[in-house]
Structures are given as C-alpha cells and as structure tokens.
C-alpha cells in the first residue's frame, strides 16, 4: 500500500466518522476531476456542476455506507456516471412521456376506446411483470426511461447485442398477448406506464 493509498484510507475513515474537514479535503481533491468527467458526458458546464454537487451531497448523506475495501476514487466516478444517467433518464423520459401521451390520447379520443385502452394498459402491465428479471429491466430502461441500446449496455455492463435480443424477446412476448386493434396504441402508452 502506497502512502497515497494510506492517506486516502485515513481520509475516508474520517469522512465516514462525520468529520467535515475530511469532507472538505475530499471535495478539494476530487471536485475538478469529477467535473471534467461529468462534462465529458454532458457537454454542458452548469449541468456537470449540478451532477458533481449532487454526488458530493449524497456522499455526505450516505457516508456511513461507504465500503472502505473498495476503490474510493472508483466510487466517486461511478457515482458521477450514475447521477448523469439518472438525470438523463429524467429529462428524456419527460419528453417521451409528453409526446406519447398526446399521441395516445388523440387515438383514444378519436376511437372512443377508453375502456379498451385501460384494459390494454392493465394487460401490458401484467405481461411485463411476468417477463424474466433481466429482460424486464432492459425493456423498461428502453421503453419507459428512453435510454438507447448503447446507453443500456454501458449502464448494465453488457453487450449491445444482449440488449437488442432482450428487447426483441420482450416485444415478442407482449405482442402475442396484445393482438388487438389498439396494439400500436398499447406500445405507445407503454412509454409512460408506471408499474409500481
């Protein structure tokens, strides 16, 4: 173990113990590095600042959950990436939801299919709940949260081919159970269905 490693270990121990001075030292040591890392994803300086600030806020709030056996620097970089993904999903999902809602609402109003629409949504929810765990997770990241296949692959540390296969399997399973006039509407509506 190098002197730098020992220093980091002591610093993290002090952080976990709630010493504000240690927290300030962590911010001084990592803020610029994390900001550059966040900016490499966002290409937006204010957004990158918000991401890094949120990471440090959560780090302080959840300091007692830090595992000192894991790389502290790795934890920080992973936290920045996860915060970026969460922020991206929130923003992209909001856009998708608004557009999907307009399309679905117009269809339902035009055809007076209110009850049929509700039945179909319930049917899709049931089918998604019955999907295998990984298949369900990937399908929701794609269709509900709006992530691209490449983003899902990076987020879950799997290949793009695996993502494509799981989404295709999910579609196939759901379509077999939704062979009705409003199947297309049902898949549009899926963009804003909440399953919890």
N, C-alpha and C. Protein backbone atom coordinates (compact mmCIF):
# COMPACT_ATOMS: atom_id res chain seq x y z
N UNK A 1 0.85 -1.20 0.00
CA UNK A 1 0.00 0.00 0.00
C UNK A 1 0.88 1.25 0.00
N UNK A 2 0.63 2.14 -0.93
CA UNK A 2 1.41 3.37 -1.04
C UNK A 2 0.99 4.38 0.03
N UNK A 3 1.81 5.41 0.19
CA UNK A 3 1.47 6.48 1.14
C UNK A 3 0.17 7.17 0.74
N UNK A 4 -0.01 7.34 -0.58
CA UNK A 4 -1.24 7.98 -1.07
C UNK A 4 -2.46 7.13 -0.72
N UNK A 5 -2.31 5.81 -0.84
CA UNK A 5 -3.41 4.90 -0.50
C UNK A 5 -3.74 4.98 0.98
N UNK A 6 -2.69 5.03 1.79
CA UNK A 6 -2.89 5.13 3.25
C UNK A 6 -3.59 6.44 3.61
N UNK A 7 -3.15 7.51 2.96
CA UNK A 7 -3.76 8.82 3.21
C UNK A 7 -5.24 8.80 2.85
N UNK A 8 -5.56 8.20 1.69
CA UNK A 8 -6.96 8.12 1.25
C UNK A 8 -7.78 7.29 2.23
N UNK A 9 -7.20 6.19 2.70
CA UNK A 9 -7.90 5.32 3.65
C UNK A 9 -8.23 6.05 4.93
N UNK A 10 -7.26 6.81 5.43
CA UNK A 10 -7.47 7.60 6.66
C UNK A 10 -8.53 8.67 6.41
N UNK A 11 -8.43 9.32 5.26
CA UNK A 11 -9.37 10.39 4.91
C UNK A 11 -10.80 9.85 4.82
N UNK A 12 -10.95 8.69 4.18
CA UNK A 12 -12.28 8.08 4.05
C UNK A 12 -12.82 7.67 5.41
N UNK A 13 -11.94 7.16 6.26
CA UNK A 13 -12.35 6.79 7.62
C UNK A 13 -12.86 8.00 8.39
N UNK A 14 -12.18 9.12 8.24
CA UNK A 14 -12.61 10.36 8.89
C UNK A 14 -13.93 10.86 8.31
N UNK A 15 -14.08 10.70 7.00
CA UNK A 15 -15.33 11.09 6.34
C UNK A 15 -16.49 10.27 6.87
N UNK A 16 -16.29 8.97 6.96
CA UNK A 16 -17.34 8.07 7.48
C UNK A 16 -17.71 8.46 8.90
N UNK A 17 -16.72 8.90 9.66
CA UNK A 17 -16.95 9.30 11.06
C UNK A 17 -17.67 10.64 11.17
N UNK A 18 -17.83 11.33 10.02
CA UNK A 18 -18.58 12.58 10.02
C UNK A 18 -17.75 13.83 10.21
N UNK A 19 -16.45 13.73 9.96
CA UNK A 19 -15.58 14.90 10.11
C UNK A 19 -15.71 15.79 8.88
N UNK A 20 -16.20 16.99 9.09
CA UNK A 20 -16.43 17.91 7.97
C UNK A 20 -15.13 18.32 7.27
N UNK A 21 -14.06 18.39 8.04
CA UNK A 21 -12.78 18.77 7.45
C UNK A 21 -12.35 17.72 6.41
N UNK A 22 -12.59 16.47 6.72
CA UNK A 22 -12.26 15.39 5.79
C UNK A 22 -13.10 15.51 4.52
N UNK A 23 -14.35 15.87 4.69
CA UNK A 23 -15.24 16.05 3.54
C UNK A 23 -14.74 17.19 2.65
N UNK A 24 -14.31 18.27 3.28
CA UNK A 24 -13.77 19.40 2.52
C UNK A 24 -12.52 19.00 1.75
N UNK A 25 -11.68 18.18 2.37
CA UNK A 25 -10.46 17.72 1.71
C UNK A 25 -10.79 16.82 0.51
N UNK A 26 -11.81 16.00 0.67
CA UNK A 26 -12.25 15.15 -0.44
C UNK A 26 -12.73 16.01 -1.60
N UNK A 27 -13.51 17.03 -1.30
CA UNK A 27 -14.00 17.92 -2.34
C UNK A 27 -12.85 18.63 -3.06
N UNK A 28 -11.89 19.11 -2.27
CA UNK A 28 -10.74 19.80 -2.86
C UNK A 28 -9.94 18.86 -3.77
N UNK A 29 -9.82 17.61 -3.35
CA UNK A 29 -9.01 16.66 -4.10
C UNK A 29 -9.68 16.15 -5.37
N UNK A 30 -11.01 16.05 -5.34
CA UNK A 30 -11.69 15.37 -6.45
C UNK A 30 -12.65 16.24 -7.27
N UNK A 31 -12.98 17.42 -6.79
CA UNK A 31 -14.02 18.21 -7.46
C UNK A 31 -13.70 18.46 -8.93
N UNK A 32 -12.51 18.97 -9.23
CA UNK A 32 -12.17 19.32 -10.61
C UNK A 32 -12.14 18.08 -11.51
N UNK A 33 -11.59 16.99 -10.98
CA UNK A 33 -11.51 15.74 -11.75
C UNK A 33 -12.91 15.24 -12.11
N UNK A 34 -13.79 15.27 -11.11
CA UNK A 34 -15.16 14.79 -11.34
C UNK A 34 -15.93 15.72 -12.26
N UNK A 35 -15.65 17.01 -12.16
CA UNK A 35 -16.32 17.99 -13.02
C UNK A 35 -15.94 17.75 -14.49
N UNK A 36 -14.66 17.51 -14.73
CA UNK A 36 -14.21 17.21 -16.09
C UNK A 36 -14.85 15.92 -16.60
N UNK A 37 -14.92 14.93 -15.72
CA UNK A 37 -15.53 13.65 -16.08
C UNK A 37 -17.01 13.83 -16.41
N UNK A 38 -17.72 14.57 -15.58
CA UNK A 38 -19.15 14.82 -15.82
C UNK A 38 -19.35 15.60 -17.12
N UNK A 39 -18.49 16.58 -17.35
CA UNK A 39 -18.60 17.40 -18.56
C UNK A 39 -18.39 16.57 -19.82
N UNK A 40 -17.57 15.52 -19.73
CA UNK A 40 -17.32 14.66 -20.89
C UNK A 40 -18.61 13.97 -21.34
N UNK A 41 -19.58 13.84 -20.44
CA UNK A 41 -20.88 13.25 -20.78
C UNK A 41 -21.90 14.31 -21.19
N UNK A 42 -21.90 15.42 -20.47
CA UNK A 42 -22.98 16.40 -20.65
C UNK A 42 -22.70 17.45 -21.73
N UNK A 43 -21.42 17.79 -21.91
CA UNK A 43 -21.04 18.92 -22.77
C UNK A 43 -21.78 20.19 -22.35
N UNK A 44 -22.11 20.25 -21.08
CA UNK A 44 -22.84 21.38 -20.53
C UNK A 44 -22.28 21.66 -19.13
N UNK A 45 -21.59 22.78 -18.98
CA UNK A 45 -20.89 23.07 -17.73
C UNK A 45 -21.82 23.17 -16.52
N UNK A 46 -22.92 23.95 -16.59
CA UNK A 46 -23.83 24.03 -15.43
C UNK A 46 -24.41 22.67 -15.05
N UNK A 47 -24.76 21.86 -16.05
CA UNK A 47 -25.30 20.53 -15.76
C UNK A 47 -24.24 19.66 -15.09
N UNK A 48 -23.01 19.74 -15.58
CA UNK A 48 -21.92 18.98 -14.98
C UNK A 48 -21.70 19.40 -13.53
N UNK A 49 -21.78 20.70 -13.27
CA UNK A 49 -21.64 21.21 -11.90
C UNK A 49 -22.74 20.64 -10.99
N UNK A 50 -23.97 20.65 -11.49
CA UNK A 50 -25.10 20.12 -10.72
C UNK A 50 -24.89 18.65 -10.39
N UNK A 51 -24.41 17.90 -11.37
CA UNK A 51 -24.19 16.47 -11.17
C UNK A 51 -23.15 16.23 -10.08
N UNK A 52 -22.04 16.94 -10.16
CA UNK A 52 -20.97 16.76 -9.18
C UNK A 52 -21.42 17.21 -7.79
N UNK A 53 -22.15 18.30 -7.72
CA UNK A 53 -22.66 18.77 -6.43
C UNK A 53 -23.60 17.74 -5.81
N UNK A 54 -24.45 17.15 -6.63
CA UNK A 54 -25.36 16.11 -6.14
C UNK A 54 -24.59 14.89 -5.64
N UNK A 55 -23.52 14.55 -6.35
CA UNK A 55 -22.69 13.41 -5.94
C UNK A 55 -22.08 13.66 -4.57
N UNK A 56 -21.54 14.85 -4.36
CA UNK A 56 -20.94 15.17 -3.06
C UNK A 56 -21.99 15.26 -1.96
N UNK A 57 -23.15 15.77 -2.30
CA UNK A 57 -24.24 15.83 -1.31
C UNK A 57 -24.63 14.43 -0.86
N UNK A 58 -24.80 13.53 -1.83
CA UNK A 58 -25.17 12.14 -1.49
C UNK A 58 -24.03 11.43 -0.76
N UNK A 59 -22.80 11.77 -1.15
CA UNK A 59 -21.65 11.16 -0.48
C UNK A 59 -21.67 11.49 1.01
N UNK A 60 -21.98 12.74 1.34
CA UNK A 60 -22.03 13.15 2.75
C UNK A 60 -23.21 12.50 3.45
N UNK A 61 -24.35 12.51 2.80
CA UNK A 61 -25.56 11.95 3.42
C UNK A 61 -25.44 10.44 3.65
N UNK A 62 -24.75 9.76 2.74
CA UNK A 62 -24.65 8.29 2.81
C UNK A 62 -23.24 7.84 3.20
N UNK A 63 -22.48 8.70 3.86
CA UNK A 63 -21.08 8.41 4.16
C UNK A 63 -20.88 7.14 4.97
N UNK A 64 -21.85 6.81 5.81
CA UNK A 64 -21.70 5.62 6.66
C UNK A 64 -21.85 4.32 5.88
N UNK A 65 -22.32 4.42 4.64
CA UNK A 65 -22.47 3.23 3.80
C UNK A 65 -21.26 2.99 2.90
N UNK A 66 -20.25 3.85 2.99
CA UNK A 66 -19.06 3.70 2.15
C UNK A 66 -18.30 2.44 2.54
N UNK A 67 -17.94 1.66 1.55
CA UNK A 67 -17.15 0.44 1.77
C UNK A 67 -15.67 0.78 1.59
N UNK A 68 -14.92 0.78 2.68
CA UNK A 68 -13.52 1.20 2.62
C UNK A 68 -12.65 0.17 1.88
N UNK A 69 -13.20 -1.01 1.62
CA UNK A 69 -12.43 -2.04 0.90
C UNK A 69 -12.45 -1.80 -0.61
N UNK A 70 -13.39 -0.98 -1.06
CA UNK A 70 -13.48 -0.68 -2.48
C UNK A 70 -12.73 0.61 -2.81
N UNK A 71 -12.40 0.79 -4.08
CA UNK A 71 -11.69 1.99 -4.52
C UNK A 71 -12.57 3.22 -4.30
N UNK A 72 -12.07 4.16 -3.51
CA UNK A 72 -12.85 5.37 -3.22
C UNK A 72 -12.99 6.23 -4.47
N UNK A 73 -11.89 6.35 -5.22
CA UNK A 73 -11.95 7.12 -6.46
C UNK A 73 -12.92 6.48 -7.44
N UNK A 74 -12.89 5.15 -7.50
CA UNK A 74 -13.83 4.43 -8.38
C UNK A 74 -15.27 4.68 -7.98
N UNK A 75 -15.52 4.73 -6.67
CA UNK A 75 -16.86 5.02 -6.17
C UNK A 75 -17.33 6.39 -6.63
N UNK A 76 -16.44 7.38 -6.56
CA UNK A 76 -16.81 8.74 -6.96
C UNK A 76 -17.12 8.83 -8.45
N UNK A 77 -16.28 8.22 -9.26
CA UNK A 77 -16.50 8.26 -10.71
C UNK A 77 -17.78 7.51 -11.09
N UNK A 78 -18.00 6.38 -10.44
CA UNK A 78 -19.22 5.62 -10.71
C UNK A 78 -20.45 6.41 -10.28
N UNK A 79 -20.34 7.14 -9.18
CA UNK A 79 -21.45 7.95 -8.69
C UNK A 79 -21.78 9.07 -9.67
N UNK A 80 -20.74 9.68 -10.26
CA UNK A 80 -20.96 10.72 -11.27
C UNK A 80 -21.69 10.14 -12.47
N UNK A 81 -21.24 8.98 -12.92
CA UNK A 81 -21.87 8.34 -14.08
C UNK A 81 -23.33 8.01 -13.79
N UNK A 82 -23.59 7.43 -12.62
CA UNK A 82 -24.96 7.07 -12.26
C UNK A 82 -25.85 8.30 -12.13
N UNK A 83 -25.30 9.38 -11.59
CA UNK A 83 -26.06 10.62 -11.46
C UNK A 83 -26.39 11.18 -12.85
N UNK A 84 -25.42 11.09 -13.76
CA UNK A 84 -25.65 11.55 -15.14
C UNK A 84 -26.76 10.73 -15.79
N UNK A 85 -26.70 9.41 -15.63
CA UNK A 85 -27.72 8.53 -16.22
C UNK A 85 -29.09 8.85 -15.64
N UNK A 86 -29.16 9.02 -14.32
CA UNK A 86 -30.44 9.34 -13.68
C UNK A 86 -31.00 10.66 -14.19
N UNK A 87 -30.12 11.66 -14.31
CA UNK A 87 -30.53 12.98 -14.80
C UNK A 87 -30.99 12.88 -16.25
N UNK A 88 -30.25 12.14 -17.04
CA UNK A 88 -30.59 11.96 -18.46
C UNK A 88 -31.93 11.25 -18.60
N UNK A 89 -32.13 10.22 -17.81
CA UNK A 89 -33.38 9.46 -17.88
C UNK A 89 -34.57 10.33 -17.50
N UNK A 90 -34.39 11.14 -16.45
CA UNK A 90 -35.49 12.00 -16.02
C UNK A 90 -35.89 12.97 -17.13
N UNK A 91 -34.89 13.59 -17.75
CA UNK A 91 -35.17 14.59 -18.78
C UNK A 91 -35.72 13.96 -20.05
N UNK A 92 -35.11 12.87 -20.48
CA UNK A 92 -35.54 12.21 -21.71
C UNK A 92 -36.90 11.56 -21.53
N UNK A 93 -37.10 10.95 -20.36
CA UNK A 93 -38.37 10.30 -20.08
C UNK A 93 -39.50 11.31 -20.08
N UNK A 94 -39.24 12.51 -19.55
CA UNK A 94 -40.26 13.55 -19.52
C UNK A 94 -40.69 13.94 -20.93
N UNK A 95 -39.72 14.07 -21.84
CA UNK A 95 -40.03 14.42 -23.23
C UNK A 95 -40.82 13.32 -23.90
N UNK A 96 -40.38 12.09 -23.71
CA UNK A 96 -41.06 10.94 -24.32
C UNK A 96 -42.48 10.82 -23.81
N UNK A 97 -42.64 10.99 -22.50
CA UNK A 97 -43.96 10.87 -21.89
C UNK A 97 -44.93 11.89 -22.48
N UNK A 98 -44.49 13.14 -22.60
CA UNK A 98 -45.37 14.18 -23.12
C UNK A 98 -45.83 13.88 -24.54
N UNK A 99 -44.91 13.48 -25.40
CA UNK A 99 -45.25 13.20 -26.79
C UNK A 99 -46.12 11.94 -26.89
N UNK A 100 -45.74 10.90 -26.17
CA UNK A 100 -46.50 9.65 -26.21
C UNK A 100 -47.92 9.86 -25.68
N UNK A 101 -48.03 10.67 -24.64
CA UNK A 101 -49.34 10.93 -24.06
C UNK A 101 -50.25 11.62 -25.07
N UNK A 102 -49.71 12.60 -25.80
CA UNK A 102 -50.51 13.30 -26.81
C UNK A 102 -51.01 12.34 -27.88
N UNK A 103 -50.11 11.51 -28.39
CA UNK A 103 -50.48 10.56 -29.44
C UNK A 103 -51.53 9.57 -28.94
N UNK A 104 -51.28 9.03 -27.78
CA UNK A 104 -52.19 8.02 -27.24
C UNK A 104 -53.55 8.61 -26.92
N UNK A 105 -53.54 9.82 -26.37
CA UNK A 105 -54.80 10.47 -26.01
C UNK A 105 -55.63 10.76 -27.25
N UNK A 106 -55.00 11.27 -28.30
CA UNK A 106 -55.71 11.54 -29.55
C UNK A 106 -56.34 10.28 -30.12
N UNK A 107 -55.60 9.19 -30.09
CA UNK A 107 -56.10 7.92 -30.61
C UNK A 107 -57.31 7.46 -29.80
N UNK A 108 -57.16 7.52 -28.49
CA UNK A 108 -58.24 7.04 -27.63
C UNK A 108 -59.50 7.87 -27.78
N UNK A 109 -59.34 9.19 -27.88
CA UNK A 109 -60.49 10.08 -28.03
C UNK A 109 -61.17 9.88 -29.38
N UNK A 110 -60.36 9.77 -30.43
CA UNK A 110 -60.92 9.60 -31.78
C UNK A 110 -61.74 8.33 -31.91
N UNK A 111 -61.26 7.27 -31.32
CA UNK A 111 -61.93 5.97 -31.49
C UNK A 111 -62.85 5.60 -30.33
N UNK A 112 -62.96 6.45 -29.34
CA UNK A 112 -63.80 6.17 -28.17
C UNK A 112 -63.47 4.82 -27.55
N UNK A 113 -62.19 4.57 -27.39
CA UNK A 113 -61.75 3.28 -26.88
C UNK A 113 -61.27 3.36 -25.43
N UNK A 114 -61.89 4.19 -24.63
CA UNK A 114 -61.40 4.42 -23.28
C UNK A 114 -61.26 3.13 -22.46
N UNK A 115 -62.32 2.33 -22.44
CA UNK A 115 -62.28 1.10 -21.65
C UNK A 115 -61.28 0.12 -22.24
N UNK A 116 -61.23 0.06 -23.55
CA UNK A 116 -60.30 -0.84 -24.22
C UNK A 116 -58.86 -0.45 -23.93
N UNK A 117 -58.62 0.86 -23.92
CA UNK A 117 -57.28 1.36 -23.61
C UNK A 117 -56.87 0.97 -22.20
N UNK A 118 -57.78 1.17 -21.24
CA UNK A 118 -57.48 0.82 -19.86
C UNK A 118 -57.21 -0.67 -19.71
N UNK A 119 -58.00 -1.47 -20.39
CA UNK A 119 -57.80 -2.93 -20.34
C UNK A 119 -56.44 -3.31 -20.92
N UNK A 120 -56.09 -2.64 -22.02
CA UNK A 120 -54.82 -2.97 -22.67
C UNK A 120 -53.63 -2.57 -21.81
N UNK A 121 -53.73 -1.42 -21.15
CA UNK A 121 -52.64 -1.00 -20.26
C UNK A 121 -52.47 -2.01 -19.14
N UNK A 122 -53.58 -2.43 -18.56
CA UNK A 122 -53.53 -3.42 -17.48
C UNK A 122 -52.92 -4.73 -17.98
N UNK A 123 -53.28 -5.10 -19.21
CA UNK A 123 -52.74 -6.32 -19.80
C UNK A 123 -51.24 -6.24 -19.99
N UNK A 124 -50.77 -5.09 -20.49
CA UNK A 124 -49.33 -4.91 -20.70
C UNK A 124 -48.59 -4.95 -19.37
N UNK A 125 -49.14 -4.30 -18.37
CA UNK A 125 -48.51 -4.32 -17.05
C UNK A 125 -48.32 -5.75 -16.56
N UNK A 126 -49.36 -6.55 -16.74
CA UNK A 126 -49.29 -7.94 -16.29
C UNK A 126 -48.21 -8.70 -17.05
N UNK A 127 -48.17 -8.50 -18.36
CA UNK A 127 -47.19 -9.21 -19.18
C UNK A 127 -45.76 -8.79 -18.84
N UNK A 128 -45.56 -7.51 -18.60
CA UNK A 128 -44.22 -7.03 -18.26
C UNK A 128 -43.78 -7.61 -16.92
N UNK A 129 -44.70 -7.68 -15.98
CA UNK A 129 -44.37 -8.24 -14.67
C UNK A 129 -43.94 -9.70 -14.78
N UNK A 130 -44.43 -10.40 -15.81
CA UNK A 130 -44.10 -11.82 -15.97
C UNK A 130 -42.84 -12.05 -16.79
N UNK A 131 -42.25 -10.98 -17.32
CA UNK A 131 -41.01 -11.13 -18.08
C UNK A 131 -39.89 -11.55 -17.13
N UNK A 132 -38.89 -12.28 -17.64
CA UNK A 132 -37.72 -12.59 -16.81
C UNK A 132 -37.09 -11.30 -16.29
N UNK A 133 -36.49 -11.36 -15.13
CA UNK A 133 -35.99 -10.16 -14.45
C UNK A 133 -35.12 -9.28 -15.33
N UNK A 134 -34.08 -9.85 -15.96
CA UNK A 134 -33.17 -9.05 -16.77
C UNK A 134 -33.88 -8.50 -18.00
N UNK A 135 -34.73 -9.31 -18.61
CA UNK A 135 -35.49 -8.88 -19.79
C UNK A 135 -36.39 -7.70 -19.44
N UNK A 136 -37.05 -7.79 -18.30
CA UNK A 136 -37.93 -6.72 -17.84
C UNK A 136 -37.14 -5.44 -17.58
N UNK A 137 -35.99 -5.57 -16.92
CA UNK A 137 -35.17 -4.41 -16.60
C UNK A 137 -34.73 -3.68 -17.86
N UNK A 138 -34.25 -4.43 -18.84
CA UNK A 138 -33.76 -3.84 -20.09
C UNK A 138 -34.90 -3.20 -20.86
N UNK A 139 -36.04 -3.88 -20.91
CA UNK A 139 -37.19 -3.36 -21.65
C UNK A 139 -37.68 -2.04 -21.06
N UNK A 140 -37.73 -1.97 -19.74
CA UNK A 140 -38.17 -0.73 -19.08
C UNK A 140 -37.17 0.40 -19.28
N UNK A 141 -35.89 0.09 -19.22
CA UNK A 141 -34.88 1.13 -19.46
C UNK A 141 -35.03 1.71 -20.86
N UNK A 142 -35.40 0.85 -21.81
CA UNK A 142 -35.55 1.29 -23.20
C UNK A 142 -36.88 2.01 -23.43
N UNK A 143 -37.97 1.37 -23.10
CA UNK A 143 -39.29 1.88 -23.49
C UNK A 143 -39.91 2.83 -22.48
N UNK A 144 -39.57 2.71 -21.23
CA UNK A 144 -40.15 3.61 -20.23
C UNK A 144 -39.21 4.76 -19.90
N UNK A 145 -37.90 4.48 -19.84
CA UNK A 145 -36.95 5.52 -19.45
C UNK A 145 -36.28 6.19 -20.64
N UNK A 146 -36.42 5.60 -21.83
CA UNK A 146 -35.94 6.25 -23.04
C UNK A 146 -34.46 6.13 -23.33
N UNK A 147 -33.75 5.20 -22.69
CA UNK A 147 -32.34 5.03 -22.96
C UNK A 147 -32.12 4.31 -24.29
N UNK A 148 -31.02 4.63 -24.96
CA UNK A 148 -30.66 3.92 -26.19
C UNK A 148 -30.07 2.56 -25.83
N UNK A 149 -29.97 1.69 -26.82
CA UNK A 149 -29.38 0.37 -26.58
C UNK A 149 -27.95 0.49 -26.08
N UNK A 150 -27.22 1.43 -26.66
CA UNK A 150 -25.82 1.64 -26.26
C UNK A 150 -25.73 2.11 -24.81
N UNK A 151 -26.62 3.00 -24.42
CA UNK A 151 -26.63 3.52 -23.05
C UNK A 151 -26.99 2.42 -22.05
N UNK A 152 -27.94 1.57 -22.43
CA UNK A 152 -28.32 0.46 -21.56
C UNK A 152 -27.16 -0.51 -21.40
N UNK A 153 -26.48 -0.80 -22.51
CA UNK A 153 -25.34 -1.71 -22.47
C UNK A 153 -24.25 -1.19 -21.53
N UNK A 154 -23.98 0.10 -21.61
CA UNK A 154 -22.97 0.71 -20.74
C UNK A 154 -23.43 0.69 -19.29
N UNK A 155 -24.69 1.05 -19.07
CA UNK A 155 -25.24 1.14 -17.72
C UNK A 155 -25.23 -0.22 -17.01
N UNK A 156 -25.55 -1.29 -17.75
CA UNK A 156 -25.64 -2.63 -17.16
C UNK A 156 -24.38 -3.46 -17.38
N UNK A 157 -23.41 -2.87 -18.09
CA UNK A 157 -22.15 -3.56 -18.38
C UNK A 157 -22.38 -4.87 -19.14
N UNK A 158 -23.19 -4.79 -20.20
CA UNK A 158 -23.46 -5.94 -21.05
C UNK A 158 -23.29 -5.50 -22.50
N UNK A 159 -23.35 -6.45 -23.43
CA UNK A 159 -23.16 -6.12 -24.84
C UNK A 159 -24.44 -5.53 -25.43
N UNK A 160 -24.28 -4.75 -26.50
CA UNK A 160 -25.43 -4.17 -27.19
C UNK A 160 -26.29 -5.28 -27.78
N UNK A 161 -25.65 -6.35 -28.26
CA UNK A 161 -26.39 -7.49 -28.82
C UNK A 161 -27.32 -8.10 -27.78
N UNK A 162 -26.85 -8.18 -26.55
CA UNK A 162 -27.68 -8.72 -25.47
C UNK A 162 -28.88 -7.82 -25.23
N UNK A 163 -28.66 -6.52 -25.25
CA UNK A 163 -29.75 -5.56 -25.08
C UNK A 163 -30.78 -5.74 -26.19
N UNK A 164 -30.31 -5.79 -27.44
CA UNK A 164 -31.20 -5.93 -28.59
C UNK A 164 -32.01 -7.22 -28.50
N UNK A 165 -31.35 -8.29 -28.11
CA UNK A 165 -32.03 -9.59 -28.01
C UNK A 165 -33.12 -9.55 -26.93
N UNK A 166 -32.80 -8.99 -25.77
CA UNK A 166 -33.76 -8.96 -24.67
C UNK A 166 -34.97 -8.09 -25.00
N UNK A 167 -34.74 -6.97 -25.68
CA UNK A 167 -35.85 -6.10 -26.08
C UNK A 167 -36.73 -6.81 -27.09
N UNK A 168 -36.10 -7.49 -28.05
CA UNK A 168 -36.86 -8.24 -29.05
C UNK A 168 -37.70 -9.33 -28.40
N UNK A 169 -37.12 -10.01 -27.41
CA UNK A 169 -37.85 -11.05 -26.69
C UNK A 169 -39.04 -10.47 -25.93
N UNK A 170 -38.83 -9.32 -25.31
CA UNK A 170 -39.91 -8.67 -24.57
C UNK A 170 -41.04 -8.28 -25.51
N UNK A 171 -40.69 -7.66 -26.63
CA UNK A 171 -41.70 -7.28 -27.62
C UNK A 171 -42.49 -8.49 -28.09
N UNK A 172 -41.77 -9.55 -28.40
CA UNK A 172 -42.41 -10.76 -28.91
C UNK A 172 -43.42 -11.31 -27.91
N UNK A 173 -43.00 -11.36 -26.66
CA UNK A 173 -43.87 -11.89 -25.60
C UNK A 173 -45.12 -11.02 -25.43
N UNK A 174 -44.91 -9.71 -25.37
CA UNK A 174 -46.04 -8.79 -25.15
C UNK A 174 -46.99 -8.78 -26.34
N UNK A 175 -46.43 -8.78 -27.55
CA UNK A 175 -47.27 -8.73 -28.75
C UNK A 175 -48.19 -9.94 -28.86
N UNK A 176 -47.69 -11.08 -28.45
CA UNK A 176 -48.51 -12.30 -28.52
C UNK A 176 -49.76 -12.16 -27.65
N UNK A 177 -49.65 -11.36 -26.61
CA UNK A 177 -50.76 -11.20 -25.67
C UNK A 177 -51.60 -9.96 -25.96
N UNK A 178 -51.20 -9.17 -26.95
CA UNK A 178 -51.92 -7.92 -27.22
C UNK A 178 -52.32 -7.81 -28.68
N UNK A 179 -52.78 -8.89 -29.25
CA UNK A 179 -53.19 -8.90 -30.66
C UNK A 179 -54.60 -8.32 -30.79
N UNK A 180 -54.68 -7.00 -30.68
CA UNK A 180 -55.98 -6.34 -30.83
C UNK A 180 -55.83 -5.12 -31.71
N UNK A 181 -56.93 -4.47 -31.95
CA UNK A 181 -56.97 -3.27 -32.79
C UNK A 181 -56.03 -2.18 -32.28
N UNK A 182 -55.85 -2.08 -30.97
CA UNK A 182 -55.06 -0.98 -30.43
C UNK A 182 -53.69 -1.43 -29.93
N UNK A 183 -53.15 -2.46 -30.56
CA UNK A 183 -51.83 -2.92 -30.15
C UNK A 183 -50.79 -1.80 -30.26
N UNK A 184 -50.85 -1.05 -31.37
CA UNK A 184 -49.89 0.04 -31.57
C UNK A 184 -50.03 1.08 -30.47
N UNK A 185 -51.27 1.42 -30.15
CA UNK A 185 -51.52 2.39 -29.09
C UNK A 185 -50.96 1.87 -27.77
N UNK A 186 -51.15 0.57 -27.54
CA UNK A 186 -50.69 -0.01 -26.28
C UNK A 186 -49.18 0.17 -26.12
N UNK A 187 -48.44 -0.02 -27.19
CA UNK A 187 -46.99 0.12 -27.10
C UNK A 187 -46.58 1.58 -26.92
N UNK A 188 -47.35 2.50 -27.51
CA UNK A 188 -47.08 3.93 -27.29
C UNK A 188 -47.33 4.28 -25.83
N UNK A 189 -48.44 3.80 -25.32
CA UNK A 189 -48.79 4.09 -23.93
C UNK A 189 -47.74 3.56 -22.97
N UNK A 190 -47.04 2.53 -23.40
CA UNK A 190 -46.05 1.92 -22.52
C UNK A 190 -44.97 2.90 -22.11
N UNK A 191 -44.77 3.93 -22.91
CA UNK A 191 -43.73 4.93 -22.61
C UNK A 191 -43.98 5.64 -21.29
N UNK A 192 -45.25 5.69 -20.85
CA UNK A 192 -45.48 6.40 -19.59
C UNK A 192 -46.22 5.56 -18.56
N UNK A 193 -46.27 4.24 -18.74
CA UNK A 193 -46.87 3.38 -17.73
C UNK A 193 -45.92 3.24 -16.55
N UNK A 194 -46.41 3.41 -15.35
CA UNK A 194 -45.62 3.19 -14.15
C UNK A 194 -46.10 1.89 -13.52
N UNK A 195 -45.16 1.00 -13.22
CA UNK A 195 -45.53 -0.33 -12.78
C UNK A 195 -45.50 -0.50 -11.27
N UNK A 196 -45.21 0.56 -10.54
CA UNK A 196 -45.16 0.40 -9.09
C UNK A 196 -46.41 0.94 -8.44
